[in-house]
């Protein structure tokens, strides 16, 4: 399930206590710049097992560098019963207004 970054930003602003941003890039990519407060959960590092540690009562907005990994990760999370949405690549997410650090 895809959500446009600008719509994701509105959702995050309105319901920040219910929304978790997952950055599924590698730790190195994450360190080079990320959305403020985003949780880094490397898609290539046993993602499905790590996801099971997350609460199911939140909404998850995922992104990676281009949108491919976050798309696959979103599908995995949805199969497990999570409310998850793919925002696409980091550049688009940053352009939508999310604060970065």
PDB file of N, CA and C in Angstrom:
ATOM      1  N   UNK A   1       0.854  -1.176   0.000  1.00  0.00           N
ATOM      2  CA  UNK A   1       0.000   0.000   0.000  1.00  0.00           C
ATOM      3  C   UNK A   1       0.900   1.239   0.000  1.00  0.00           C
ATOM      4  N   UNK A   2       0.708   2.078  -0.987  1.00  0.00           N
ATOM      5  CA  UNK A   2       1.530   3.271  -1.153  1.00  0.00           C
ATOM      6  C   UNK A   2       0.783   4.500  -0.635  1.00  0.00           C
ATOM      7  N   UNK A   3       1.520   5.392   0.000  1.00  0.00           N
ATOM      8  CA  UNK A   3       0.959   6.682   0.428  1.00  0.00           C
ATOM      9  C   UNK A   3       1.902   7.767  -0.075  1.00  0.00           C
ATOM     10  N   UNK A   4       1.344   8.824  -0.656  1.00  0.00           N
ATOM     11  CA  UNK A   4       2.175   9.929  -1.138  1.00  0.00           C
ATOM     12  C   UNK A   4       2.873  10.583   0.055  1.00  0.00           C
ATOM     13  N   UNK A   5       4.156  10.946  -0.103  1.00  0.00           N
ATOM     14  CA  UNK A   5       4.885  11.543   1.015  1.00  0.00           C
ATOM     15  C   UNK A   5       4.199  12.755   1.642  1.00  0.00           C
ATOM     16  N   UNK A   6       3.553  13.603   0.827  1.00  0.00           N
ATOM     17  CA  UNK A   6       2.893  14.783   1.405  1.00  0.00           C
ATOM     18  C   UNK A   6       1.677  14.375   2.245  1.00  0.00           C
ATOM     19  N   UNK A   7       0.955  13.330   1.830  1.00  0.00           N
ATOM     20  CA  UNK A   7      -0.169  12.822   2.631  1.00  0.00           C
ATOM     21  C   UNK A   7       0.358  12.162   3.912  1.00  0.00           C
ATOM     22  N   UNK A   8       1.462  11.450   3.798  1.00  0.00           N
ATOM     23  CA  UNK A   8       2.090  10.821   4.962  1.00  0.00           C
ATOM     24  C   UNK A   8       2.517  11.886   5.972  1.00  0.00           C
ATOM     25  N   UNK A   9       3.050  12.993   5.467  1.00  0.00           N
ATOM     26  CA  UNK A   9       3.488  14.076   6.342  1.00  0.00           C
ATOM     27  C   UNK A   9       2.299  14.658   7.105  1.00  0.00           C
ATOM     28  N   UNK A  10       1.165  14.858   6.432  1.00  0.00           N
ATOM     29  CA  UNK A  10      -0.045  15.370   7.095  1.00  0.00           C
ATOM     30  C   UNK A  10      -0.504  14.403   8.190  1.00  0.00           C
ATOM     31  N   UNK A  11      -0.527  13.116   7.862  1.00  0.00           N
ATOM     32  CA  UNK A  11      -0.935  12.092   8.835  1.00  0.00           C
ATOM     33  C   UNK A  11      -0.008  12.126  10.043  1.00  0.00           C
ATOM     34  N   UNK A  12       1.297  12.214   9.794  1.00  0.00           N
ATOM     35  CA  UNK A  12       2.289  12.237  10.869  1.00  0.00           C
ATOM     36  C   UNK A  12       2.105  13.478  11.748  1.00  0.00           C
ATOM     37  N   UNK A  13       1.838  14.623  11.135  1.00  0.00           N
ATOM     38  CA  UNK A  13       1.645  15.855  11.910  1.00  0.00           C
ATOM     39  C   UNK A  13       0.383  15.777  12.772  1.00  0.00           C
ATOM     40  N   UNK A  14      -0.694  15.214  12.212  1.00  0.00           N
ATOM     41  CA  UNK A  14      -1.967  15.155  12.930  1.00  0.00           C
ATOM     42  C   UNK A  14      -2.004  14.085  14.014  1.00  0.00           C
ATOM     43  N   UNK A  15      -1.302  12.987  13.789  1.00  0.00           N
ATOM     44  CA  UNK A  15      -1.380  11.843  14.713  1.00  0.00           C
ATOM     45  C   UNK A  15       0.001  11.322  15.067  1.00  0.00           C
ATOM     46  N   UNK A  16       0.901  12.210  15.417  1.00  0.00           N
ATOM     47  CA  UNK A  16       2.295  11.816  15.642  1.00  0.00           C
ATOM     48  C   UNK A  16       2.462  10.765  16.742  1.00  0.00           C
ATOM     49  N   UNK A  17       1.544  10.727  17.705  1.00  0.00           N
ATOM     50  CA  UNK A  17       1.668   9.727  18.779  1.00  0.00           C
ATOM     51  C   UNK A  17       1.239   8.337  18.318  1.00  0.00           C
ATOM     52  N   UNK A  18       0.569   8.238  17.171  1.00  0.00           N
ATOM     53  CA  UNK A  18       0.111   6.940  16.659  1.00  0.00           C
ATOM     54  C   UNK A  18       0.935   6.455  15.476  1.00  0.00           C
ATOM     55  N   UNK A  19       1.813   7.320  14.955  1.00  0.00           N
ATOM     56  CA  UNK A  19       2.547   7.017  13.726  1.00  0.00           C
ATOM     57  C   UNK A  19       4.028   6.792  14.025  1.00  0.00           C
ATOM     58  N   UNK A  20       4.579   5.727  13.427  1.00  0.00           N
ATOM     59  CA  UNK A  20       6.005   5.423  13.555  1.00  0.00           C
ATOM     60  C   UNK A  20       6.603   5.441  12.155  1.00  0.00           C
ATOM     61  N   UNK A  21       7.711   6.156  11.998  1.00  0.00           N
ATOM     62  CA  UNK A  21       8.406   6.182  10.711  1.00  0.00           C
ATOM     63  C   UNK A  21       9.515   5.140  10.761  1.00  0.00           C
ATOM     64  N   UNK A  22       9.466   4.199   9.820  1.00  0.00           N
ATOM     65  CA  UNK A  22      10.491   3.165   9.726  1.00  0.00           C
ATOM     66  C   UNK A  22      11.364   3.447   8.512  1.00  0.00           C
ATOM     67  N   UNK A  23      12.646   3.576   8.755  1.00  0.00           N
ATOM     68  CA  UNK A  23      13.641   3.759   7.706  1.00  0.00           C
ATOM     69  C   UNK A  23      14.277   2.391   7.503  1.00  0.00           C
ATOM     70  N   UNK A  24      13.999   1.746   6.361  1.00  0.00           N
ATOM     71  CA  UNK A  24      14.475   0.376   6.167  1.00  0.00           C
ATOM     72  C   UNK A  24      15.796   0.323   5.397  1.00  0.00           C
ATOM     73  N   UNK A  25      16.499   1.457   5.347  1.00  0.00           N
ATOM     74  CA  UNK A  25      17.824   1.479   4.722  1.00  0.00           C
ATOM     75  C   UNK A  25      18.847   0.855   5.675  1.00  0.00           C
ATOM     76  N   UNK A  26      20.065   0.691   5.173  1.00  0.00           N
ATOM     77  CA  UNK A  26      21.141   0.151   6.011  1.00  0.00           C
ATOM     78  C   UNK A  26      21.528   1.189   7.059  1.00  0.00           C
ATOM     79  N   UNK A  27      22.183   0.771   8.142  1.00  0.00           N
ATOM     80  CA  UNK A  27      22.628   1.746   9.152  1.00  0.00           C
ATOM     81  C   UNK A  27      23.517   2.847   8.565  1.00  0.00           C
ATOM     82  N   UNK A  28      24.345   2.499   7.594  1.00  0.00           N
ATOM     83  CA  UNK A  28      25.206   3.503   6.955  1.00  0.00           C
ATOM     84  C   UNK A  28      24.396   4.554   6.207  1.00  0.00           C
ATOM     85  N   UNK A  29      23.379   4.109   5.482  1.00  0.00           N
ATOM     86  CA  UNK A  29      22.509   5.042   4.769  1.00  0.00           C
ATOM     87  C   UNK A  29      21.765   5.926   5.773  1.00  0.00           C
ATOM     88  N   UNK A  30      21.290   5.310   6.834  1.00  0.00           N
ATOM     89  CA  UNK A  30      20.551   6.024   7.883  1.00  0.00           C
ATOM     90  C   UNK A  30      21.425   7.119   8.492  1.00  0.00           C
ATOM     91  N   UNK A  31      22.691   6.778   8.775  1.00  0.00           N
ATOM     92  CA  UNK A  31      23.615   7.734   9.398  1.00  0.00           C
ATOM     93  C   UNK A  31      23.897   8.935   8.502  1.00  0.00           C
ATOM     94  N   UNK A  32      23.765   8.759   7.199  1.00  0.00           N
ATOM     95  CA  UNK A  32      24.076   9.862   6.269  1.00  0.00           C
ATOM     96  C   UNK A  32      22.949  10.899   6.214  1.00  0.00           C
ATOM     97  N   UNK A  33      21.870  10.656   6.937  1.00  0.00           N
ATOM     98  CA  UNK A  33      20.744  11.576   6.993  1.00  0.00           C
ATOM     99  C   UNK A  33      19.449  10.798   7.069  1.00  0.00           C
ATOM    100  N   UNK A  34      18.569  11.194   7.980  1.00  0.00           N
ATOM    101  CA  UNK A  34      17.309  10.466   8.169  1.00  0.00           C
ATOM    102  C   UNK A  34      16.225  11.387   8.720  1.00  0.00           C
ATOM    103  N   UNK A  35      14.994  10.914   8.651  1.00  0.00           N
ATOM    104  CA  UNK A  35      13.879  11.661   9.219  1.00  0.00           C
ATOM    105  C   UNK A  35      14.057  11.674  10.729  1.00  0.00           C
ATOM    106  N   UNK A  36      13.891  12.846  11.324  1.00  0.00           N
ATOM    107  CA  UNK A  36      14.047  12.988  12.772  1.00  0.00           C
ATOM    108  C   UNK A  36      13.064  12.049  13.486  1.00  0.00           C
ATOM    109  N   UNK A  37      13.587  11.221  14.377  1.00  0.00           N
ATOM    110  CA  UNK A  37      12.750  10.305  15.133  1.00  0.00           C
ATOM    111  C   UNK A  37      12.453   8.982  14.438  1.00  0.00           C
ATOM    112  N   UNK A  38      12.939   8.810  13.219  1.00  0.00           N
ATOM    113  CA  UNK A  38      12.690   7.561  12.483  1.00  0.00           C
ATOM    114  C   UNK A  38      13.436   6.400  13.131  1.00  0.00           C
ATOM    115  N   UNK A  39      12.813   5.236  13.095  1.00  0.00           N
ATOM    116  CA  UNK A  39      13.428   4.014  13.605  1.00  0.00           C
ATOM    117  C   UNK A  39      14.121   3.330  12.436  1.00  0.00           C
ATOM    118  N   UNK A  40      15.414   3.036  12.594  1.00  0.00           N
ATOM    119  CA  UNK A  40      16.160   2.345  11.539  1.00  0.00           C
ATOM    120  C   UNK A  40      15.994   0.847  11.710  1.00  0.00           C
ATOM    121  N   UNK A  41      15.424   0.199  10.711  1.00  0.00           N
ATOM    122  CA  UNK A  41      15.225  -1.243  10.735  1.00  0.00           C
ATOM    123  C   UNK A  41      15.645  -1.782   9.369  1.00  0.00           C
ATOM    124  N   UNK A  42      16.904  -2.118   9.243  1.00  0.00           N
ATOM    125  CA  UNK A  42      17.515  -2.544   7.976  1.00  0.00           C
ATOM    126  C   UNK A  42      16.730  -3.696   7.345  1.00  0.00           C
ATOM    127  N   UNK A  43      16.241  -3.468   6.133  1.00  0.00           N
ATOM    128  CA  UNK A  43      15.467  -4.485   5.416  1.00  0.00           C
ATOM    129  C   UNK A  43      16.264  -5.774   5.235  1.00  0.00           C
ATOM    130  N   UNK A  44      17.582  -5.637   5.039  1.00  0.00           N
ATOM    131  CA  UNK A  44      18.428  -6.802   4.784  1.00  0.00           C
ATOM    132  C   UNK A  44      18.861  -7.537   6.054  1.00  0.00           C
ATOM    133  N   UNK A  45      18.519  -7.031   7.232  1.00  0.00           N
ATOM    134  CA  UNK A  45      18.977  -7.635   8.492  1.00  0.00           C
ATOM    135  C   UNK A  45      17.813  -8.303   9.229  1.00  0.00           C
ATOM    136  N   UNK A  46      17.327  -9.406   8.680  1.00  0.00           N
ATOM    137  CA  UNK A  46      16.285 -10.206   9.343  1.00  0.00           C
ATOM    138  C   UNK A  46      15.039  -9.374   9.653  1.00  0.00           C
ATOM    139  N   UNK A  47      14.590  -8.628   8.652  1.00  0.00           N
ATOM    140  CA  UNK A  47      13.478  -7.680   8.821  1.00  0.00           C
ATOM    141  C   UNK A  47      12.221  -8.322   9.417  1.00  0.00           C
ATOM    142  N   UNK A  48      11.791  -9.446   8.855  1.00  0.00           N
ATOM    143  CA  UNK A  48      10.533 -10.075   9.307  1.00  0.00           C
ATOM    144  C   UNK A  48      10.579 -10.417  10.800  1.00  0.00           C
ATOM    145  N   UNK A  49      11.718 -10.891  11.282  1.00  0.00           N
ATOM    146  CA  UNK A  49      11.847 -11.234  12.708  1.00  0.00           C
ATOM    147  C   UNK A  49      11.833  -9.971  13.573  1.00  0.00           C
ATOM    148  N   UNK A  50      12.498  -8.920  13.111  1.00  0.00           N
ATOM    149  CA  UNK A  50      12.555  -7.666  13.868  1.00  0.00           C
ATOM    150  C   UNK A  50      11.176  -7.003  13.955  1.00  0.00           C
ATOM    151  N   UNK A  51      10.414  -7.080  12.875  1.00  0.00           N
ATOM    152  CA  UNK A  51       9.085  -6.468  12.829  1.00  0.00           C
ATOM    153  C   UNK A  51       8.183  -7.032  13.923  1.00  0.00           C
ATOM    154  N   UNK A  52       8.315  -8.294  14.211  1.00  0.00           N
ATOM    155  CA  UNK A  52       7.446  -8.942  15.199  1.00  0.00           C
ATOM    156  C   UNK A  52       7.588  -8.341  16.591  1.00  0.00           C
ATOM    157  N   UNK A  53       8.650  -7.577  16.829  1.00  0.00           N
ATOM    158  CA  UNK A  53       8.859  -6.927  18.126  1.00  0.00           C
ATOM    159  C   UNK A  53       8.076  -5.621  18.239  1.00  0.00           C
ATOM    160  N   UNK A  54       7.505  -5.156  17.121  1.00  0.00           N
ATOM    161  CA  UNK A  54       6.796  -3.875  17.107  1.00  0.00           C
ATOM    162  C   UNK A  54       5.332  -4.039  17.511  1.00  0.00           C
ATOM    163  N   UNK A  55       4.761  -3.024  18.181  1.00  0.00           N
ATOM    164  CA  UNK A  55       3.335  -3.084  18.544  1.00  0.00           C
ATOM    165  C   UNK A  55       2.453  -2.964  17.307  1.00  0.00           C
ATOM    166  N   UNK A  56       1.321  -3.646  17.319  1.00  0.00           N
ATOM    167  CA  UNK A  56       0.420  -3.625  16.164  1.00  0.00           C
ATOM    168  C   UNK A  56      -0.610  -2.505  16.236  1.00  0.00           C
ATOM    169  N   UNK A  57      -0.592  -1.706  17.299  1.00  0.00           N
ATOM    170  CA  UNK A  57      -1.589  -0.637  17.430  1.00  0.00           C
ATOM    171  C   UNK A  57      -1.104   0.702  16.879  1.00  0.00           C
ATOM    172  N   UNK A  58      -0.017   0.696  16.127  1.00  0.00           N
ATOM    173  CA  UNK A  58       0.525   1.918  15.524  1.00  0.00           C
ATOM    174  C   UNK A  58       0.355   1.861  14.009  1.00  0.00           C
ATOM    175  N   UNK A  59       0.516   3.019  13.371  1.00  0.00           N
ATOM    176  CA  UNK A  59       0.538   3.103  11.910  1.00  0.00           C
ATOM    177  C   UNK A  59       2.003   3.306  11.525  1.00  0.00           C
ATOM    178  N   UNK A  60       2.491   2.499  10.580  1.00  0.00           N
ATOM    179  CA  UNK A  60       3.894   2.550  10.182  1.00  0.00           C
ATOM    180  C   UNK A  60       4.045   3.143   8.787  1.00  0.00           C
ATOM    181  N   UNK A  61       4.877   4.176   8.686  1.00  0.00           N
ATOM    182  CA  UNK A  61       5.204   4.815   7.420  1.00  0.00           C
ATOM    183  C   UNK A  61       6.641   4.439   7.089  1.00  0.00           C
ATOM    184  N   UNK A  62       6.823   3.715   5.997  1.00  0.00           N
ATOM    185  CA  UNK A  62       8.146   3.198   5.643  1.00  0.00           C
ATOM    186  C   UNK A  62       8.746   3.936   4.461  1.00  0.00           C
ATOM    187  N   UNK A  63      10.070   4.057   4.469  1.00  0.00           N
ATOM    188  CA  UNK A  63      10.794   4.563   3.306  1.00  0.00           C
ATOM    189  C   UNK A  63      12.176   3.947   3.269  1.00  0.00           C
ATOM    190  N   UNK A  64      12.781   4.009   2.080  1.00  0.00           N
ATOM    191  CA  UNK A  64      14.167   3.568   1.917  1.00  0.00           C
ATOM    192  C   UNK A  64      14.851   4.599   1.022  1.00  0.00           C
ATOM    193  N   UNK A  65      15.769   4.194   0.183  1.00  0.00           N
ATOM    194  CA  UNK A  65      16.441   5.156  -0.694  1.00  0.00           C
ATOM    195  C   UNK A  65      15.597   5.451  -1.936  1.00  0.00           C
ATOM    196  N   UNK A  66      14.978   4.414  -2.516  1.00  0.00           N
ATOM    197  CA  UNK A  66      14.239   4.600  -3.771  1.00  0.00           C
ATOM    198  C   UNK A  66      12.766   4.210  -3.689  1.00  0.00           C
ATOM    199  N   UNK A  67      12.405   3.387  -2.710  1.00  0.00           N
ATOM    200  CA  UNK A  67      11.028   2.919  -2.580  1.00  0.00           C
ATOM    201  C   UNK A  67      10.865   1.429  -2.794  1.00  0.00           C
ATOM    202  N   UNK A  68      11.889   0.753  -3.338  1.00  0.00           N
ATOM    203  CA  UNK A  68      11.792  -0.681  -3.595  1.00  0.00           C
ATOM    204  C   UNK A  68      11.810  -1.503  -2.296  1.00  0.00           C
ATOM    205  N   UNK A  69      12.826  -1.291  -1.463  1.00  0.00           N
ATOM    206  CA  UNK A  69      12.904  -2.051  -0.202  1.00  0.00           C
ATOM    207  C   UNK A  69      11.727  -1.742   0.702  1.00  0.00           C
ATOM    208  N   UNK A  70      11.335  -0.452   0.772  1.00  0.00           N
ATOM    209  CA  UNK A  70      10.209  -0.100   1.643  1.00  0.00           C
ATOM    210  C   UNK A  70       8.903  -0.697   1.109  1.00  0.00           C
ATOM    211  N   UNK A  71       8.802  -0.857  -0.206  1.00  0.00           N
ATOM    212  CA  UNK A  71       7.624  -1.506  -0.783  1.00  0.00           C
ATOM    213  C   UNK A  71       7.542  -2.966  -0.375  1.00  0.00           C
ATOM    214  N   UNK A  72       8.666  -3.662  -0.455  1.00  0.00           N
ATOM    215  CA  UNK A  72       8.713  -5.072  -0.057  1.00  0.00           C
ATOM    216  C   UNK A  72       8.484  -5.209   1.447  1.00  0.00           C
ATOM    217  N   UNK A  73       9.073  -4.309   2.222  1.00  0.00           N
ATOM    218  CA  UNK A  73       8.910  -4.349   3.678  1.00  0.00           C
ATOM    219  C   UNK A  73       7.463  -4.072   4.075  1.00  0.00           C
ATOM    220  N   UNK A  74       6.809  -3.144   3.372  1.00  0.00           N
ATOM    221  CA  UNK A  74       5.404  -2.837   3.635  1.00  0.00           C
ATOM    222  C   UNK A  74       4.546  -4.071   3.398  1.00  0.00           C
ATOM    223  N   UNK A  75       4.811  -4.787   2.313  1.00  0.00           N
ATOM    224  CA  UNK A  75       4.053  -6.009   1.998  1.00  0.00           C
ATOM    225  C   UNK A  75       4.223  -7.059   3.099  1.00  0.00           C
ATOM    226  N   UNK A  76       5.440  -7.220   3.580  1.00  0.00           N
ATOM    227  CA  UNK A  76       5.710  -8.179   4.670  1.00  0.00           C
ATOM    228  C   UNK A  76       4.912  -7.785   5.917  1.00  0.00           C
ATOM    229  N   UNK A  77       4.963  -6.502   6.265  1.00  0.00           N
ATOM    230  CA  UNK A  77       4.260  -6.039   7.464  1.00  0.00           C
ATOM    231  C   UNK A  77       2.752  -6.222   7.340  1.00  0.00           C
ATOM    232  N   UNK A  78       2.208  -5.930   6.156  1.00  0.00           N
ATOM    233  CA  UNK A  78       0.762  -6.079   5.945  1.00  0.00           C
ATOM    234  C   UNK A  78       0.345  -7.542   6.081  1.00  0.00           C
ATOM    235  N   UNK A  79       1.170  -8.450   5.572  1.00  0.00           N
ATOM    236  CA  UNK A  79       0.872  -9.883   5.703  1.00  0.00           C
ATOM    237  C   UNK A  79       0.849 -10.300   7.170  1.00  0.00           C
ATOM    238  N   UNK A  80       1.590  -9.601   8.006  1.00  0.00           N
ATOM    239  CA  UNK A  80       1.658  -9.914   9.430  1.00  0.00           C
ATOM    240  C   UNK A  80       0.595  -9.166  10.237  1.00  0.00           C
ATOM    241  N   UNK A  81      -0.224  -8.371   9.567  1.00  0.00           N
ATOM    242  CA  UNK A  81      -1.316  -7.694  10.251  1.00  0.00           C
ATOM    243  C   UNK A  81      -1.031  -6.284  10.729  1.00  0.00           C
ATOM    244  N   UNK A  82       0.051  -5.673  10.238  1.00  0.00           N
ATOM    245  CA  UNK A  82       0.383  -4.293  10.622  1.00  0.00           C
ATOM    246  C   UNK A  82      -0.257  -3.304   9.654  1.00  0.00           C
ATOM    247  N   UNK A  83      -0.572  -2.102  10.155  1.00  0.00           N
ATOM    248  CA  UNK A  83      -1.028  -1.001   9.309  1.00  0.00           C
ATOM    249  C   UNK A  83       0.235  -0.302   8.828  1.00  0.00           C
ATOM    250  N   UNK A  84       0.634  -0.599   7.597  1.00  0.00           N
ATOM    251  CA  UNK A  84       1.884  -0.039   7.092  1.00  0.00           C
ATOM    252  C   UNK A  84       1.688   0.520   5.686  1.00  0.00           C
ATOM    253  N   UNK A  85       2.455   1.574   5.400  1.00  0.00           N
ATOM    254  CA  UNK A  85       2.360   2.273   4.120  1.00  0.00           C
ATOM    255  C   UNK A  85       3.749   2.624   3.618  1.00  0.00           C
ATOM    256  N   UNK A  86       3.961   2.473   2.327  1.00  0.00           N
ATOM    257  CA  UNK A  86       5.237   2.804   1.703  1.00  0.00           C
ATOM    258  C   UNK A  86       5.210   4.252   1.222  1.00  0.00           C
ATOM    259  N   UNK A  87       6.127   5.072   1.769  1.00  0.00           N
ATOM    260  CA  UNK A  87       6.230   6.475   1.359  1.00  0.00           C
ATOM    261  C   UNK A  87       7.179   6.661   0.192  1.00  0.00           C
ATOM    262  N   UNK A  88       7.965   5.654  -0.159  1.00  0.00           N
ATOM    263  CA  UNK A  88       8.912   5.759  -1.268  1.00  0.00           C
ATOM    264  C   UNK A  88      10.327   6.046  -0.811  1.00  0.00           C
ATOM    265  N   UNK A  89      11.024   6.862  -1.611  1.00  0.00           N
ATOM    266  CA  UNK A  89      12.430   7.153  -1.349  1.00  0.00           C
ATOM    267  C   UNK A  89      12.657   8.320  -0.411  1.00  0.00           C
ATOM    268  N   UNK A  90      13.837   8.343   0.188  1.00  0.00           N
ATOM    269  CA  UNK A  90      14.185   9.367   1.177  1.00  0.00           C
ATOM    270  C   UNK A  90      14.105  10.782   0.600  1.00  0.00           C
ATOM    271  N   UNK A  91      14.531  10.968  -0.648  1.00  0.00           N
ATOM    272  CA  UNK A  91      14.500  12.295  -1.257  1.00  0.00           C
ATOM    273  C   UNK A  91      13.084  12.860  -1.301  1.00  0.00           C
ATOM    274  N   UNK A  92      12.122  12.031  -1.704  1.00  0.00           N
ATOM    275  CA  UNK A  92      10.721  12.473  -1.777  1.00  0.00           C
ATOM    276  C   UNK A  92      10.164  12.753  -0.393  1.00  0.00           C
ATOM    277  N   UNK A  93      10.546  11.926   0.569  1.00  0.00           N
ATOM    278  CA  UNK A  93      10.082  12.097   1.948  1.00  0.00           C
ATOM    279  C   UNK A  93      10.604  13.423   2.521  1.00  0.00           C
ATOM    280  N   UNK A  94      11.878  13.689   2.252  1.00  0.00           N
ATOM    281  CA  UNK A  94      12.506  14.926   2.709  1.00  0.00           C
ATOM    282  C   UNK A  94      11.825  16.135   2.051  1.00  0.00           C
ATOM    283  N   UNK A  95      11.549  16.034   0.759  1.00  0.00           N
ATOM    284  CA  UNK A  95      10.903  17.127   0.023  1.00  0.00           C
ATOM    285  C   UNK A  95       9.486  17.401   0.511  1.00  0.00           C
ATOM    286  N   UNK A  96       8.820  16.384   1.092  1.00  0.00           N
ATOM    287  CA  UNK A  96       7.449  16.539   1.570  1.00  0.00           C
ATOM    288  C   UNK A  96       7.369  17.363   2.849  1.00  0.00           C
ATOM    289  N   UNK A  97       8.525  17.586   3.500  1.00  0.00           N
ATOM    290  CA  UNK A  97       8.533  18.437   4.692  1.00  0.00           C
ATOM    291  C   UNK A  97       8.924  17.760   5.980  1.00  0.00           C
ATOM    292  N   UNK A  98       9.149  16.437   5.940  1.00  0.00           N
ATOM    293  CA  UNK A  98       9.559  15.751   7.172  1.00  0.00           C
ATOM    294  C   UNK A  98      10.883  16.360   7.653  1.00  0.00           C
ATOM    295  N   UNK A  99      10.991  16.642   8.968  1.00  0.00           N
ATOM    296  CA  UNK A  99      12.261  17.163   9.484  1.00  0.00           C
ATOM    297  C   UNK A  99      13.331  16.079   9.440  1.00  0.00           C
ATOM    298  N   UNK A 100      14.528  16.434   9.031  1.00  0.00           N
ATOM    299  CA  UNK A 100      15.611  15.455   8.932  1.00  0.00           C
ATOM    300  C   UNK A 100      16.785  15.865   9.816  1.00  0.00           C
ATOM    301  N   UNK A 101      17.630  14.908  10.076  1.00  0.00           N
ATOM    302  CA  UNK A 101      18.859  15.199  10.849  1.00  0.00           C
ATOM    303  C   UNK A 101      19.987  14.327  10.332  1.00  0.00           C
TER     304      UNK A 101
END
